[in-house]
C-alpha cells in the first residue's frame, strides 16, 4: 500500500482530518486488544472506516442486517467493532457487524 492509495481512501471520507484521527484511534484500540493486522487487512479496514465516516457525516444508514449471519464472529470482535463504532455519531447499530469481520480476520494472524 502506498501513501497515495491511503490518502485516496481517506479523501473519500469527506473529512480528511477526522479520518486520520479515526484511523489513529482505531489503531490504538485494536493494539490495546492485541489485534494485529497485515498491510492488506489494514487497507481494507481503512477503507471501511473511511466509508463509515462518510455515512456518519451524511447520515446515510446501511441496510439492516440479520445478526444471525454473524453468529460465527466472536463476541470479542463484535465488541471491538462496537467500541470503534461509538467513535462516530449517526451510524446504524448493525454497522458493528460489518466492521467485526475485519477484526475476526485479523485474529487469524495471531
PDB file of N, CA and C in Angstrom:
ATOM      1  N   UNK A   1       0.855  -1.176   0.000  1.00  0.00           N
ATOM      2  CA  UNK A   1       0.000   0.000   0.000  1.00  0.00           C
ATOM      3  C   UNK A   1       0.892   1.226   0.000  1.00  0.00           C
ATOM      4  N   UNK A   2       0.592   2.098  -0.890  1.00  0.00           N
ATOM      5  CA  UNK A   2       1.358   3.334  -0.946  1.00  0.00           C
ATOM      6  C   UNK A   2       0.638   4.415  -0.148  1.00  0.00           C
ATOM      7  N   UNK A   3       1.388   5.446   0.181  1.00  0.00           N
ATOM      8  CA  UNK A   3       0.787   6.576   0.897  1.00  0.00           C
ATOM      9  C   UNK A   3      -0.293   7.219   0.037  1.00  0.00           C
ATOM     10  N   UNK A   4      -0.099   7.231  -1.282  1.00  0.00           N
ATOM     11  CA  UNK A   4      -1.085   7.814  -2.187  1.00  0.00           C
ATOM     12  C   UNK A   4      -2.395   7.026  -2.147  1.00  0.00           C
ATOM     13  N   UNK A   5      -2.300   5.699  -2.125  1.00  0.00           N
ATOM     14  CA  UNK A   5      -3.510   4.868  -2.031  1.00  0.00           C
ATOM     15  C   UNK A   5      -4.270   5.168  -0.744  1.00  0.00           C
ATOM     16  N   UNK A   6      -3.537   5.275   0.352  1.00  0.00           N
ATOM     17  CA  UNK A   6      -4.170   5.557   1.631  1.00  0.00           C
ATOM     18  C   UNK A   6      -4.810   6.939   1.625  1.00  0.00           C
ATOM     19  N   UNK A   7      -4.152   7.913   1.061  1.00  0.00           N
ATOM     20  CA  UNK A   7      -4.714   9.266   1.018  1.00  0.00           C
ATOM     21  C   UNK A   7      -5.993   9.316   0.175  1.00  0.00           C
ATOM     22  N   UNK A   8      -6.045   8.552  -0.891  1.00  0.00           N
ATOM     23  CA  UNK A   8      -7.268   8.500  -1.702  1.00  0.00           C
ATOM     24  C   UNK A   8      -8.421   7.921  -0.887  1.00  0.00           C
ATOM     25  N   UNK A   9      -8.142   6.885  -0.119  1.00  0.00           N
ATOM     26  CA  UNK A   9      -9.161   6.283   0.745  1.00  0.00           C
ATOM     27  C   UNK A   9      -9.636   7.310   1.764  1.00  0.00           C
ATOM     28  N   UNK A  10      -8.703   8.009   2.368  1.00  0.00           N
ATOM     29  CA  UNK A  10      -9.026   8.994   3.402  1.00  0.00           C
ATOM     30  C   UNK A  10      -9.831  10.150   2.816  1.00  0.00           C
ATOM     31  N   UNK A  11      -9.484  10.598   1.638  1.00  0.00           N
ATOM     32  CA  UNK A  11     -10.204  11.708   0.994  1.00  0.00           C
ATOM     33  C   UNK A  11     -11.662  11.359   0.732  1.00  0.00           C
ATOM     34  N   UNK A  12     -11.934  10.098   0.445  1.00  0.00           N
ATOM     35  CA  UNK A  12     -13.317   9.683   0.167  1.00  0.00           C
ATOM     36  C   UNK A  12     -14.217   9.804   1.390  1.00  0.00           C
ATOM     37  N   UNK A  13     -13.636   9.941   2.564  1.00  0.00           N
ATOM     38  CA  UNK A  13     -14.420  10.033   3.797  1.00  0.00           C
ATOM     39  C   UNK A  13     -15.213  11.330   3.872  1.00  0.00           C
ATOM     40  N   UNK A  14     -14.727  12.373   3.199  1.00  0.00           N
ATOM     41  CA  UNK A  14     -15.387  13.672   3.274  1.00  0.00           C
ATOM     42  C   UNK A  14     -14.817  14.577   4.348  1.00  0.00           C
ATOM     43  N   UNK A  15     -13.916  14.043   5.193  1.00  0.00           N
ATOM     44  CA  UNK A  15     -13.277  14.838   6.246  1.00  0.00           C
ATOM     45  C   UNK A  15     -11.905  14.226   6.524  1.00  0.00           C
ATOM     46  N   UNK A  16     -10.903  14.725   5.806  1.00  0.00           N
ATOM     47  CA  UNK A  16      -9.557  14.149   5.866  1.00  0.00           C
ATOM     48  C   UNK A  16      -8.996  14.162   7.287  1.00  0.00           C
ATOM     49  N   UNK A  17      -9.113  15.285   7.967  1.00  0.00           N
ATOM     50  CA  UNK A  17      -8.557  15.395   9.316  1.00  0.00           C
ATOM     51  C   UNK A  17      -9.222  14.408  10.272  1.00  0.00           C
ATOM     52  N   UNK A  18     -10.543  14.346  10.231  1.00  0.00           N
ATOM     53  CA  UNK A  18     -11.273  13.435  11.114  1.00  0.00           C
ATOM     54  C   UNK A  18     -10.969  11.982  10.766  1.00  0.00           C
ATOM     55  N   UNK A  19     -10.781  11.687   9.502  1.00  0.00           N
ATOM     56  CA  UNK A  19     -10.481  10.320   9.095  1.00  0.00           C
ATOM     57  C   UNK A  19      -9.103   9.895   9.622  1.00  0.00           C
ATOM     58  N   UNK A  20      -8.128  10.783   9.533  1.00  0.00           N
ATOM     59  CA  UNK A  20      -6.810  10.481  10.099  1.00  0.00           C
ATOM     60  C   UNK A  20      -6.942  10.193  11.599  1.00  0.00           C
ATOM     61  N   UNK A  21      -7.738  11.004  12.275  1.00  0.00           N
ATOM     62  CA  UNK A  21      -7.959  10.835  13.706  1.00  0.00           C
ATOM     63  C   UNK A  21      -8.644   9.496  13.990  1.00  0.00           C
ATOM     64  N   UNK A  22      -9.661   9.167  13.200  1.00  0.00           N
ATOM     65  CA  UNK A  22     -10.382   7.903  13.366  1.00  0.00           C
ATOM     66  C   UNK A  22      -9.455   6.708  13.162  1.00  0.00           C
ATOM     67  N   UNK A  23      -8.607   6.779  12.148  1.00  0.00           N
ATOM     68  CA  UNK A  23      -7.664   5.690  11.892  1.00  0.00           C
ATOM     69  C   UNK A  23      -6.691   5.531  13.055  1.00  0.00           C
ATOM     70  N   UNK A  24      -6.190   6.645  13.571  1.00  0.00           N
ATOM     71  CA  UNK A  24      -5.251   6.595  14.696  1.00  0.00           C
ATOM     72  C   UNK A  24      -5.921   6.030  15.948  1.00  0.00           C
ATOM     73  N   UNK A  25      -7.142   6.477  16.229  1.00  0.00           N
ATOM     74  CA  UNK A  25      -7.865   5.984  17.398  1.00  0.00           C
ATOM     75  C   UNK A  25      -8.151   4.494  17.270  1.00  0.00           C
ATOM     76  N   UNK A  26      -8.532   4.071  16.075  1.00  0.00           N
ATOM     77  CA  UNK A  26      -8.819   2.651  15.852  1.00  0.00           C
ATOM     78  C   UNK A  26      -7.562   1.820  16.008  1.00  0.00           C
ATOM     79  N   UNK A  27      -6.449   2.307  15.476  1.00  0.00           N
ATOM     80  CA  UNK A  27      -5.184   1.582  15.596  1.00  0.00           C
ATOM     81  C   UNK A  27      -4.818   1.400  17.066  1.00  0.00           C
ATOM     82  N   UNK A  28      -5.046   2.425  17.861  1.00  0.00           N
ATOM     83  CA  UNK A  28      -4.759   2.352  19.297  1.00  0.00           C
ATOM     84  C   UNK A  28      -5.687   1.349  19.993  1.00  0.00           C
ATOM     85  N   UNK A  29      -6.966   1.387  19.660  1.00  0.00           N
ATOM     86  CA  UNK A  29      -7.944   0.480  20.271  1.00  0.00           C
ATOM     87  C   UNK A  29      -7.603  -0.974  19.965  1.00  0.00           C
ATOM     88  N   UNK A  30      -7.290  -1.263  18.723  1.00  0.00           N
ATOM     89  CA  UNK A  30      -7.010  -2.661  18.381  1.00  0.00           C
ATOM     90  C   UNK A  30      -5.676  -3.120  18.963  1.00  0.00           C
ATOM     91  N   UNK A  31      -4.718  -2.210  19.069  1.00  0.00           N
ATOM     92  CA  UNK A  31      -3.431  -2.567  19.679  1.00  0.00           C
ATOM     93  C   UNK A  31      -3.628  -2.929  21.154  1.00  0.00           C
ATOM     94  N   UNK A  32      -4.486  -2.179  21.831  1.00  0.00           N
ATOM     95  CA  UNK A  32      -4.772  -2.461  23.244  1.00  0.00           C
ATOM     96  C   UNK A  32      -5.401  -3.839  23.421  1.00  0.00           C
ATOM     97  N   UNK A  33      -6.110  -4.298  22.396  1.00  0.00           N
ATOM     98  CA  UNK A  33      -6.751  -5.611  22.452  1.00  0.00           C
ATOM     99  C   UNK A  33      -5.845  -6.720  21.921  1.00  0.00           C
ATOM    100  N   UNK A  34      -4.641  -6.344  21.494  1.00  0.00           N
ATOM    101  CA  UNK A  34      -3.697  -7.333  20.990  1.00  0.00           C
ATOM    102  C   UNK A  34      -3.998  -7.832  19.592  1.00  0.00           C
ATOM    103  N   UNK A  35      -4.760  -7.064  18.843  1.00  0.00           N
ATOM    104  CA  UNK A  35      -5.100  -7.440  17.470  1.00  0.00           C
ATOM    105  C   UNK A  35      -4.080  -6.802  16.537  1.00  0.00           C
ATOM    106  N   UNK A  36      -3.483  -7.606  15.697  1.00  0.00           N
ATOM    107  CA  UNK A  36      -2.548  -7.065  14.712  1.00  0.00           C
ATOM    108  C   UNK A  36      -3.067  -7.379  13.317  1.00  0.00           C
ATOM    109  N   UNK A  37      -2.821  -6.447  12.415  1.00  0.00           N
ATOM    110  CA  UNK A  37      -3.304  -6.595  11.035  1.00  0.00           C
ATOM    111  C   UNK A  37      -2.124  -6.514  10.078  1.00  0.00           C
ATOM    112  N   UNK A  38      -2.220  -7.293   9.016  1.00  0.00           N
ATOM    113  CA  UNK A  38      -1.215  -7.141   7.969  1.00  0.00           C
ATOM    114  C   UNK A  38      -1.603  -5.928   7.113  1.00  0.00           C
ATOM    115  N   UNK A  39      -0.769  -5.585   6.184  1.00  0.00           N
ATOM    116  CA  UNK A  39      -0.973  -4.381   5.382  1.00  0.00           C
ATOM    117  C   UNK A  39      -2.284  -4.430   4.591  1.00  0.00           C
ATOM    118  N   UNK A  40      -2.599  -5.567   4.021  1.00  0.00           N
ATOM    119  CA  UNK A  40      -3.822  -5.716   3.243  1.00  0.00           C
ATOM    120  C   UNK A  40      -5.054  -5.563   4.134  1.00  0.00           C
ATOM    121  N   UNK A  41      -5.004  -6.167   5.315  1.00  0.00           N
ATOM    122  CA  UNK A  41      -6.126  -6.062   6.242  1.00  0.00           C
ATOM    123  C   UNK A  41      -6.306  -4.621   6.719  1.00  0.00           C
ATOM    124  N   UNK A  42      -5.188  -3.934   6.973  1.00  0.00           N
ATOM    125  CA  UNK A  42      -5.282  -2.544   7.418  1.00  0.00           C
ATOM    126  C   UNK A  42      -5.870  -1.671   6.308  1.00  0.00           C
ATOM    127  N   UNK A  43      -5.477  -1.898   5.076  1.00  0.00           N
ATOM    128  CA  UNK A  43      -6.015  -1.135   3.951  1.00  0.00           C
ATOM    129  C   UNK A  43      -7.523  -1.358   3.830  1.00  0.00           C
ATOM    130  N   UNK A  44      -7.957  -2.589   3.978  1.00  0.00           N
ATOM    131  CA  UNK A  44      -9.381  -2.905   3.914  1.00  0.00           C
ATOM    132  C   UNK A  44     -10.135  -2.239   5.065  1.00  0.00           C
ATOM    133  N   UNK A  45      -9.564  -2.300   6.262  1.00  0.00           N
ATOM    134  CA  UNK A  45     -10.189  -1.654   7.417  1.00  0.00           C
ATOM    135  C   UNK A  45     -10.243  -0.144   7.223  1.00  0.00           C
ATOM    136  N   UNK A  46      -9.159   0.441   6.729  1.00  0.00           N
ATOM    137  CA  UNK A  46      -9.129   1.889   6.500  1.00  0.00           C
ATOM    138  C   UNK A  46     -10.205   2.305   5.505  1.00  0.00           C
ATOM    139  N   UNK A  47     -10.412   1.505   4.484  1.00  0.00           N
ATOM    140  CA  UNK A  47     -11.450   1.788   3.502  1.00  0.00           C
ATOM    141  C   UNK A  47     -12.829   1.743   4.156  1.00  0.00           C
ATOM    142  N   UNK A  48     -13.040   0.751   5.006  1.00  0.00           N
ATOM    143  CA  UNK A  48     -14.326   0.634   5.696  1.00  0.00           C
ATOM    144  C   UNK A  48     -14.521   1.817   6.644  1.00  0.00           C
ATOM    145  N   UNK A  49     -13.492   2.179   7.398  1.00  0.00           N
ATOM    146  CA  UNK A  49     -13.606   3.306   8.325  1.00  0.00           C
ATOM    147  C   UNK A  49     -13.876   4.611   7.586  1.00  0.00           C
ATOM    148  N   UNK A  50     -13.251   4.796   6.445  1.00  0.00           N
ATOM    149  CA  UNK A  50     -13.490   5.982   5.631  1.00  0.00           C
ATOM    150  C   UNK A  50     -14.953   6.034   5.183  1.00  0.00           C
ATOM    151  N   UNK A  51     -15.461   4.893   4.760  1.00  0.00           N
ATOM    152  CA  UNK A  51     -16.871   4.821   4.341  1.00  0.00           C
ATOM    153  C   UNK A  51     -17.809   5.047   5.527  1.00  0.00           C
ATOM    154  N   UNK A  52     -17.444   4.526   6.693  1.00  0.00           N
ATOM    155  CA  UNK A  52     -18.252   4.755   7.892  1.00  0.00           C
ATOM    156  C   UNK A  52     -18.299   6.240   8.226  1.00  0.00           C
ATOM    157  N   UNK A  53     -17.165   6.905   8.135  1.00  0.00           N
ATOM    158  CA  UNK A  53     -17.126   8.340   8.419  1.00  0.00           C
ATOM    159  C   UNK A  53     -17.993   9.099   7.424  1.00  0.00           C
ATOM    160  N   UNK A  54     -17.919   8.724   6.160  1.00  0.00           N
ATOM    161  CA  UNK A  54     -18.768   9.358   5.148  1.00  0.00           C
ATOM    162  C   UNK A  54     -20.246   9.179   5.507  1.00  0.00           C
ATOM    163  N   UNK A  55     -20.626   7.949   5.874  1.00  0.00           N
ATOM    164  CA  UNK A  55     -22.016   7.688   6.246  1.00  0.00           C
ATOM    165  C   UNK A  55     -22.412   8.484   7.490  1.00  0.00           C
ATOM    166  N   UNK A  56     -21.500   8.603   8.419  1.00  0.00           N
ATOM    167  CA  UNK A  56     -21.760   9.368   9.638  1.00  0.00           C
ATOM    168  C   UNK A  56     -21.989  10.847   9.319  1.00  0.00           C
ATOM    169  N   UNK A  57     -21.122  11.411   8.500  1.00  0.00           N
ATOM    170  CA  UNK A  57     -21.228  12.828   8.133  1.00  0.00           C
ATOM    171  C   UNK A  57     -22.538  13.111   7.409  1.00  0.00           C
ATOM    172  N   UNK A  58     -22.896  12.214   6.489  1.00  0.00           N
ATOM    173  CA  UNK A  58     -24.065  12.423   5.633  1.00  0.00           C
ATOM    174  C   UNK A  58     -25.327  11.731   6.165  1.00  0.00           C
ATOM    175  N   UNK A  59     -25.215  11.152   7.362  1.00  0.00           N
ATOM    176  CA  UNK A  59     -26.346  10.485   7.998  1.00  0.00           C
ATOM    177  C   UNK A  59     -26.991   9.460   7.059  1.00  0.00           C
ATOM    178  N   UNK A  60     -26.151   8.653   6.429  1.00  0.00           N
ATOM    179  CA  UNK A  60     -26.606   7.616   5.498  1.00  0.00           C
ATOM    180  C   UNK A  60     -26.534   6.256   6.187  1.00  0.00           C
ATOM    181  N   UNK A  61     -27.669   5.666   6.485  1.00  0.00           N
ATOM    182  CA  UNK A  61     -27.641   4.360   7.158  1.00  0.00           C
ATOM    183  C   UNK A  61     -27.328   3.220   6.179  1.00  0.00           C
ATOM    184  N   UNK A  62     -26.794   2.147   6.727  1.00  0.00           N
ATOM    185  CA  UNK A  62     -26.654   0.919   5.939  1.00  0.00           C
ATOM    186  C   UNK A  62     -27.988   0.193   6.001  1.00  0.00           C
ATOM    187  N   UNK A  63     -28.154  -0.789   5.150  1.00  0.00           N
ATOM    188  CA  UNK A  63     -29.349  -1.627   5.206  1.00  0.00           C
ATOM    189  C   UNK A  63     -29.270  -2.492   6.467  1.00  0.00           C
ATOM    190  N   UNK A  64     -30.379  -2.682   7.167  1.00  0.00           N
ATOM    191  CA  UNK A  64     -30.361  -3.550   8.346  1.00  0.00           C
ATOM    192  C   UNK A  64     -29.880  -4.954   7.974  1.00  0.00           C
ATOM    193  N   UNK A  65     -29.168  -5.575   8.901  1.00  0.00           N
ATOM    194  CA  UNK A  65     -28.600  -6.898   8.676  1.00  0.00           C
ATOM    195  C   UNK A  65     -29.239  -7.908   9.611  1.00  0.00           C
ATOM    196  N   UNK A  66     -29.188  -9.154   9.223  1.00  0.00           N
ATOM    197  CA  UNK A  66     -29.616 -10.242  10.093  1.00  0.00           C
ATOM    198  C   UNK A  66     -28.404 -10.627  10.934  1.00  0.00           C
ATOM    199  N   UNK A  67     -28.434 -10.311  12.221  1.00  0.00           N
ATOM    200  CA  UNK A  67     -27.274 -10.565  13.071  1.00  0.00           C
ATOM    201  C   UNK A  67     -26.927 -12.050  13.144  1.00  0.00           C
ATOM    202  N   UNK A  68     -27.867 -12.917  12.831  1.00  0.00           N
ATOM    203  CA  UNK A  68     -27.593 -14.354  12.827  1.00  0.00           C
ATOM    204  C   UNK A  68     -26.533 -14.725  11.792  1.00  0.00           C
ATOM    205  N   UNK A  69     -26.397 -13.901  10.760  1.00  0.00           N
ATOM    206  CA  UNK A  69     -25.369 -14.150   9.740  1.00  0.00           C
ATOM    207  C   UNK A  69     -23.966 -14.030  10.338  1.00  0.00           C
ATOM    208  N   UNK A  70     -23.848 -13.397  11.488  1.00  0.00           N
ATOM    209  CA  UNK A  70     -22.557 -13.151  12.108  1.00  0.00           C
ATOM    210  C   UNK A  70     -22.352 -14.013  13.349  1.00  0.00           C
ATOM    211  N   UNK A  71     -23.094 -15.117  13.430  1.00  0.00           N
ATOM    212  CA  UNK A  71     -23.046 -15.973  14.615  1.00  0.00           C
ATOM    213  C   UNK A  71     -21.679 -16.616  14.829  1.00  0.00           C
ATOM    214  N   UNK A  72     -20.889 -16.735  13.783  1.00  0.00           N
ATOM    215  CA  UNK A  72     -19.564 -17.331  13.924  1.00  0.00           C
ATOM    216  C   UNK A  72     -18.486 -16.307  14.245  1.00  0.00           C
ATOM    217  N   UNK A  73     -18.851 -15.040  14.295  1.00  0.00           N
ATOM    218  CA  UNK A  73     -17.905 -13.991  14.672  1.00  0.00           C
ATOM    219  C   UNK A  73     -17.858 -13.954  16.194  1.00  0.00           C
ATOM    220  N   UNK A  74     -16.659 -13.890  16.737  1.00  0.00           N
ATOM    221  CA  UNK A  74     -16.503 -13.917  18.193  1.00  0.00           C
ATOM    222  C   UNK A  74     -17.112 -12.680  18.846  1.00  0.00           C
ATOM    223  N   UNK A  75     -17.608 -12.848  20.052  1.00  0.00           N
ATOM    224  CA  UNK A  75     -18.125 -11.686  20.797  1.00  0.00           C
ATOM    225  C   UNK A  75     -17.056 -10.600  20.972  1.00  0.00           C
ATOM    226  N   UNK A  76     -15.790 -11.004  21.108  1.00  0.00           N
ATOM    227  CA  UNK A  76     -14.697 -10.038  21.254  1.00  0.00           C
ATOM    228  C   UNK A  76     -14.601  -9.149  20.010  1.00  0.00           C
ATOM    229  N   UNK A  77     -14.699  -9.743  18.839  1.00  0.00           N
ATOM    230  CA  UNK A  77     -14.609  -8.949  17.598  1.00  0.00           C
ATOM    231  C   UNK A  77     -15.802  -8.022  17.458  1.00  0.00           C
ATOM    232  N   UNK A  78     -16.977  -8.484  17.838  1.00  0.00           N
ATOM    233  CA  UNK A  78     -18.174  -7.639  17.751  1.00  0.00           C
ATOM    234  C   UNK A  78     -18.079  -6.495  18.760  1.00  0.00           C
ATOM    235  N   UNK A  79     -17.591  -6.781  19.958  1.00  0.00           N
ATOM    236  CA  UNK A  79     -17.439  -5.734  20.974  1.00  0.00           C
ATOM    237  C   UNK A  79     -16.376  -4.721  20.547  1.00  0.00           C
ATOM    238  N   UNK A  80     -15.301  -5.196  19.974  1.00  0.00           N
ATOM    239  CA  UNK A  80     -14.257  -4.305  19.470  1.00  0.00           C
ATOM    240  C   UNK A  80     -14.824  -3.384  18.388  1.00  0.00           C
ATOM    241  N   UNK A  81     -15.605  -3.956  17.505  1.00  0.00           N
ATOM    242  CA  UNK A  81     -16.243  -3.166  16.445  1.00  0.00           C
ATOM    243  C   UNK A  81     -17.222  -2.149  17.036  1.00  0.00           C
ATOM    244  N   UNK A  82     -17.970  -2.557  18.046  1.00  0.00           N
ATOM    245  CA  UNK A  82     -18.909  -1.637  18.692  1.00  0.00           C
ATOM    246  C   UNK A  82     -18.163  -0.469  19.321  1.00  0.00           C
ATOM    247  N   UNK A  83     -17.016  -0.735  19.922  1.00  0.00           N
ATOM    248  CA  UNK A  83     -16.194   0.322  20.525  1.00  0.00           C
ATOM    249  C   UNK A  83     -15.764   1.329  19.464  1.00  0.00           C
ATOM    250  N   UNK A  84     -15.324   0.831  18.325  1.00  0.00           N
ATOM    251  CA  UNK A  84     -14.900   1.723  17.236  1.00  0.00           C
ATOM    252  C   UNK A  84     -16.099   2.494  16.691  1.00  0.00           C
ATOM    253  N   UNK A  85     -17.223   1.832  16.532  1.00  0.00           N
ATOM    254  CA  UNK A  85     -18.419   2.499  16.007  1.00  0.00           C
ATOM    255  C   UNK A  85     -18.864   3.657  16.903  1.00  0.00           C
ATOM    256  N   UNK A  86     -18.631   3.526  18.199  1.00  0.00           N
ATOM    257  CA  UNK A  86     -19.020   4.585  19.139  1.00  0.00           C
ATOM    258  C   UNK A  86     -18.216   5.865  18.945  1.00  0.00           C
ATOM    259  N   UNK A  87     -17.139   5.806  18.172  1.00  0.00           N
ATOM    260  CA  UNK A  87     -16.331   6.991  17.905  1.00  0.00           C
ATOM    261  C   UNK A  87     -17.041   7.958  16.955  1.00  0.00           C
ATOM    262  N   UNK A  88     -18.077   7.463  16.268  1.00  0.00           N
ATOM    263  CA  UNK A  88     -18.784   8.276  15.281  1.00  0.00           C
ATOM    264  C   UNK A  88     -20.278   8.330  15.588  1.00  0.00           C
ATOM    265  N   UNK A  89     -20.887   9.486  15.363  1.00  0.00           N
ATOM    266  CA  UNK A  89     -22.341   9.585  15.521  1.00  0.00           C
ATOM    267  C   UNK A  89     -23.051   9.122  14.242  1.00  0.00           C
ATOM    268  N   UNK A  90     -24.327   8.937  14.331  1.00  0.00           N
ATOM    269  CA  UNK A  90     -25.210   8.689  13.177  1.00  0.00           C
ATOM    270  C   UNK A  90     -24.928   7.390  12.428  1.00  0.00           C
ATOM    271  N   UNK A  91     -24.412   6.374  13.101  1.00  0.00           N
ATOM    272  CA  UNK A  91     -24.206   5.089  12.440  1.00  0.00           C
ATOM    273  C   UNK A  91     -25.333   4.134  12.816  1.00  0.00           C
ATOM    274  N   UNK A  92     -25.739   3.324  11.860  1.00  0.00           N
ATOM    275  CA  UNK A  92     -26.737   2.282  12.116  1.00  0.00           C
ATOM    276  C   UNK A  92     -26.131   1.273  13.095  1.00  0.00           C
ATOM    277  N   UNK A  93     -26.927   0.766  13.994  1.00  0.00           N
ATOM    278  CA  UNK A  93     -26.455  -0.176  15.014  1.00  0.00           C
ATOM    279  C   UNK A  93     -25.813  -1.419  14.396  1.00  0.00           C
ATOM    280  N   UNK A  94     -26.238  -1.807  13.203  1.00  0.00           N
ATOM    281  CA  UNK A  94     -25.704  -3.012  12.562  1.00  0.00           C
ATOM    282  C   UNK A  94     -24.317  -2.804  11.952  1.00  0.00           C
ATOM    283  N   UNK A  95     -23.849  -1.578  11.925  1.00  0.00           N
ATOM    284  CA  UNK A  95     -22.516  -1.301  11.373  1.00  0.00           C
ATOM    285  C   UNK A  95     -21.448  -2.137  12.085  1.00  0.00           C
ATOM    286  N   UNK A  96     -21.654  -2.378  13.375  1.00  0.00           N
ATOM    287  CA  UNK A  96     -20.660  -3.133  14.141  1.00  0.00           C
ATOM    288  C   UNK A  96     -20.465  -4.541  13.583  1.00  0.00           C
ATOM    289  N   UNK A  97     -21.520  -5.118  13.027  1.00  0.00           N
ATOM    290  CA  UNK A  97     -21.379  -6.466  12.490  1.00  0.00           C
ATOM    291  C   UNK A  97     -20.478  -6.485  11.259  1.00  0.00           C
ATOM    292  N   UNK A  98     -20.667  -5.522  10.386  1.00  0.00           N
ATOM    293  CA  UNK A  98     -19.810  -5.451   9.201  1.00  0.00           C
ATOM    294  C   UNK A  98     -18.358  -5.195   9.598  1.00  0.00           C
ATOM    295  N   UNK A  99     -18.171  -4.292  10.540  1.00  0.00           N
ATOM    296  CA  UNK A  99     -16.824  -3.945  10.976  1.00  0.00           C
ATOM    297  C   UNK A  99     -16.152  -5.112  11.695  1.00  0.00           C
ATOM    298  N   UNK A 100     -16.931  -5.906  12.408  1.00  0.00           N
ATOM    299  CA  UNK A 100     -16.362  -7.010  13.185  1.00  0.00           C
ATOM    300  C   UNK A 100     -15.627  -8.030  12.320  1.00  0.00           C
ATOM    301  N   UNK A 101     -16.014  -8.145  11.081  1.00  0.00           N
ATOM    302  CA  UNK A 101     -15.371  -9.099  10.173  1.00  0.00           C
ATOM    303  C   UNK A 101     -13.888  -8.783  10.023  1.00  0.00           C
ATOM    304  N   UNK A 102     -13.536  -7.498   9.992  1.00  0.00           N
ATOM    305  CA  UNK A 102     -12.131  -7.097   9.873  1.00  0.00           C
ATOM    306  C   UNK A 102     -11.325  -7.584  11.073  1.00  0.00           C
ATOM    307  N   UNK A 103     -11.886  -7.464  12.253  1.00  0.00           N
ATOM    308  CA  UNK A 103     -11.175  -7.867  13.461  1.00  0.00           C
ATOM    309  C   UNK A 103     -11.100  -9.374  13.592  1.00  0.00           C
ATOM    310  N   UNK A 104     -12.153 -10.041  13.178  1.00  0.00           N
ATOM    311  CA  UNK A 104     -12.162 -11.506  13.219  1.00  0.00           C
ATOM    312  C   UNK A 104     -11.102 -12.058  12.277  1.00  0.00           C
ATOM    313  N   UNK A 105     -11.003 -11.480  11.091  1.00  0.00           N
ATOM    314  CA  UNK A 105      -9.994 -11.932  10.129  1.00  0.00           C
ATOM    315  C   UNK A 105      -8.578 -11.681  10.674  1.00  0.00           C
ATOM    316  N   UNK A 106      -8.394 -10.532  11.318  1.00  0.00           N
ATOM    317  CA  UNK A 106      -7.080 -10.199  11.862  1.00  0.00           C
ATOM    318  C   UNK A 106      -6.684 -11.162  12.983  1.00  0.00           C
ATOM    319  N   UNK A 107      -7.664 -11.644  13.736  1.00  0.00           N
ATOM    320  CA  UNK A 107      -7.356 -12.580  14.821  1.00  0.00           C
ATOM    321  C   UNK A 107      -6.745 -13.873  14.285  1.00  0.00           C
ATOM    322  N   UNK A 108      -7.020 -14.182  13.038  1.00  0.00           N
ATOM    323  CA  UNK A 108      -6.437 -15.385  12.433  1.00  0.00           C
ATOM    324  C   UNK A 108      -4.932 -15.240  12.220  1.00  0.00           C
ATOM    325  N   UNK A 109      -4.438 -14.007  12.246  1.00  0.00           N
ATOM    326  CA  UNK A 109      -2.996 -13.762  12.102  1.00  0.00           C
ATOM    327  C   UNK A 109      -2.220 -14.235  13.331  1.00  0.00           C
ATOM    328  N   UNK A 110      -2.887 -14.183  14.461  1.00  0.00           N
ATOM    329  CA  UNK A 110      -2.179 -14.432  15.724  1.00  0.00           C
ATOM    330  C   UNK A 110      -2.016 -15.905  16.018  1.00  0.00           C
TER     331      UNK A 110
END
